[in-house]
């Protein structure tokens, strides 16, 4: 499962519905120039060993596409905190 977000704290995304099963991993794909608050949230999750983090080049969608293609993740996208999550397979 991969998580992408444009705004807010990444750590709250663990509340999307459930923690990953033992055979699942959460991956976070983060823009290299994300805001410090987003990076802090990512580091918090990384320290808890809840996710593996991939940083793609700033605004480089081809690099992000490559990472998603290579690792074959399902994707959850969050654009705003008060909007529902969208799952893409």
C-alpha atoms as a PDB file:
ATOM      1  CA  UNK A   1       0.000   0.000   0.000  1.00  0.00           C
ATOM      2  CA  UNK A   2       1.452   3.411  -0.896  1.00  0.00           C
ATOM      3  CA  UNK A   3       0.344   6.736   0.466  1.00  0.00           C
ATOM      4  CA  UNK A   4       0.630  10.094  -1.272  1.00  0.00           C
ATOM      5  CA  UNK A   5      -0.485  13.348   0.264  1.00  0.00           C
ATOM      6  CA  UNK A   6      -0.320  17.003  -0.664  1.00  0.00           C
ATOM      7  CA  UNK A   7      -1.058  18.564   2.728  1.00  0.00           C
ATOM      8  CA  UNK A   8      -0.926  17.844   6.440  1.00  0.00           C
ATOM      9  CA  UNK A   9       0.602  15.370   8.820  1.00  0.00           C
ATOM     10  CA  UNK A  10       1.512  11.965   7.421  1.00  0.00           C
ATOM     11  CA  UNK A  11       1.186  10.259  10.798  1.00  0.00           C
ATOM     12  CA  UNK A  12      -2.587  10.753  10.774  1.00  0.00           C
ATOM     13  CA  UNK A  13      -2.793   8.662   7.606  1.00  0.00           C
ATOM     14  CA  UNK A  14      -2.294   5.495   9.638  1.00  0.00           C
ATOM     15  CA  UNK A  15      -5.885   6.031  10.721  1.00  0.00           C
ATOM     16  CA  UNK A  16      -7.118   5.477   7.150  1.00  0.00           C
ATOM     17  CA  UNK A  17      -8.806   2.317   8.348  1.00  0.00           C
ATOM     18  CA  UNK A  18      -6.348  -0.189   9.679  1.00  0.00           C
ATOM     19  CA  UNK A  19      -2.706  -0.998  10.210  1.00  0.00           C
ATOM     20  CA  UNK A  20      -1.078  -3.169   7.569  1.00  0.00           C
ATOM     21  CA  UNK A  21      -1.317  -6.930   7.901  1.00  0.00           C
ATOM     22  CA  UNK A  22       1.897  -8.827   8.591  1.00  0.00           C
ATOM     23  CA  UNK A  23       2.389  -9.500   4.879  1.00  0.00           C
ATOM     24  CA  UNK A  24       1.637  -5.887   3.867  1.00  0.00           C
ATOM     25  CA  UNK A  25       3.910  -2.862   3.958  1.00  0.00           C
ATOM     26  CA  UNK A  26       3.049   0.822   3.753  1.00  0.00           C
ATOM     27  CA  UNK A  27       5.179   2.912   1.420  1.00  0.00           C
ATOM     28  CA  UNK A  28       5.280   6.689   1.500  1.00  0.00           C
ATOM     29  CA  UNK A  29       6.366   8.544  -1.618  1.00  0.00           C
ATOM     30  CA  UNK A  30       7.525  12.025  -0.676  1.00  0.00           C
ATOM     31  CA  UNK A  31       8.569  14.966  -2.844  1.00  0.00           C
ATOM     32  CA  UNK A  32      12.174  15.923  -2.096  1.00  0.00           C
ATOM     33  CA  UNK A  33      11.102  19.474  -1.189  1.00  0.00           C
ATOM     34  CA  UNK A  34       8.073  18.688   0.998  1.00  0.00           C
ATOM     35  CA  UNK A  35       7.278  21.032   3.899  1.00  0.00           C
ATOM     36  CA  UNK A  36       9.116  20.317   7.160  1.00  0.00           C
ATOM     37  CA  UNK A  37       5.868  19.311   8.917  1.00  0.00           C
ATOM     38  CA  UNK A  38       5.257  16.594   6.331  1.00  0.00           C
ATOM     39  CA  UNK A  39       8.845  15.368   6.623  1.00  0.00           C
ATOM     40  CA  UNK A  40       8.482  15.249  10.432  1.00  0.00           C
ATOM     41  CA  UNK A  41       5.353  13.108  10.091  1.00  0.00           C
ATOM     42  CA  UNK A  42       7.148  10.786   7.692  1.00  0.00           C
ATOM     43  CA  UNK A  43      10.092  10.424  10.079  1.00  0.00           C
ATOM     44  CA  UNK A  44       7.719   9.609  12.948  1.00  0.00           C
ATOM     45  CA  UNK A  45       6.149   6.759  10.987  1.00  0.00           C
ATOM     46  CA  UNK A  46       9.543   5.591   9.754  1.00  0.00           C
ATOM     47  CA  UNK A  47      10.846   5.410  13.355  1.00  0.00           C
ATOM     48  CA  UNK A  48       7.850   3.293  14.320  1.00  0.00           C
ATOM     49  CA  UNK A  49       8.728   0.959  11.428  1.00  0.00           C
ATOM     50  CA  UNK A  50       5.212   1.371  10.042  1.00  0.00           C
ATOM     51  CA  UNK A  51       6.333   2.366   6.548  1.00  0.00           C
ATOM     52  CA  UNK A  52       9.157   2.408   4.061  1.00  0.00           C
ATOM     53  CA  UNK A  53       9.862   5.848   2.570  1.00  0.00           C
ATOM     54  CA  UNK A  54      10.797   6.726  -1.001  1.00  0.00           C
ATOM     55  CA  UNK A  55      11.798  10.293  -1.865  1.00  0.00           C
ATOM     56  CA  UNK A  56      11.334  11.321  -5.479  1.00  0.00           C
ATOM     57  CA  UNK A  57      12.943  14.314  -7.193  1.00  0.00           C
ATOM     58  CA  UNK A  58      11.045  17.585  -6.732  1.00  0.00           C
ATOM     59  CA  UNK A  59       8.006  17.706  -9.042  1.00  0.00           C
ATOM     60  CA  UNK A  60       9.449  14.866 -11.141  1.00  0.00           C
ATOM     61  CA  UNK A  61       6.412  12.738 -11.941  1.00  0.00           C
ATOM     62  CA  UNK A  62       8.429  10.442 -14.193  1.00  0.00           C
ATOM     63  CA  UNK A  63      10.679   9.564 -11.229  1.00  0.00           C
ATOM     64  CA  UNK A  64       7.596   8.964  -9.055  1.00  0.00           C
ATOM     65  CA  UNK A  65       6.006   6.872 -11.808  1.00  0.00           C
ATOM     66  CA  UNK A  66       9.202   4.820 -12.048  1.00  0.00           C
ATOM     67  CA  UNK A  67       9.205   4.150  -8.277  1.00  0.00           C
ATOM     68  CA  UNK A  68       5.528   3.156  -8.324  1.00  0.00           C
ATOM     69  CA  UNK A  69       6.083   0.903 -11.351  1.00  0.00           C
ATOM     70  CA  UNK A  70       9.154  -0.830  -9.915  1.00  0.00           C
ATOM     71  CA  UNK A  71       7.585  -1.576  -6.537  1.00  0.00           C
ATOM     72  CA  UNK A  72       4.007  -2.393  -7.696  1.00  0.00           C
ATOM     73  CA  UNK A  73       2.054  -0.644  -4.946  1.00  0.00           C
ATOM     74  CA  UNK A  74      -1.639   0.034  -4.497  1.00  0.00           C
ATOM     75  CA  UNK A  75      -2.023   3.784  -4.007  1.00  0.00           C
ATOM     76  CA  UNK A  76      -4.104   5.859  -1.591  1.00  0.00           C
ATOM     77  CA  UNK A  77      -4.175   9.558  -2.459  1.00  0.00           C
ATOM     78  CA  UNK A  78      -5.114  12.308  -0.013  1.00  0.00           C
ATOM     79  CA  UNK A  79      -5.498  15.797  -1.442  1.00  0.00           C
ATOM     80  CA  UNK A  80      -7.127  17.548   1.529  1.00  0.00           C
ATOM     81  CA  UNK A  81      -7.706  16.435   5.110  1.00  0.00           C
ATOM     82  CA  UNK A  82     -11.482  16.826   4.969  1.00  0.00           C
ATOM     83  CA  UNK A  83     -11.898  14.975   1.677  1.00  0.00           C
ATOM     84  CA  UNK A  84     -12.362  11.197   1.475  1.00  0.00           C
ATOM     85  CA  UNK A  85      -9.454   8.997   0.514  1.00  0.00           C
ATOM     86  CA  UNK A  86      -9.324   7.511  -2.978  1.00  0.00           C
ATOM     87  CA  UNK A  87      -7.838   4.062  -3.568  1.00  0.00           C
ATOM     88  CA  UNK A  88      -6.240   3.174  -6.884  1.00  0.00           C
ATOM     89  CA  UNK A  89      -5.020  -0.304  -7.817  1.00  0.00           C
END
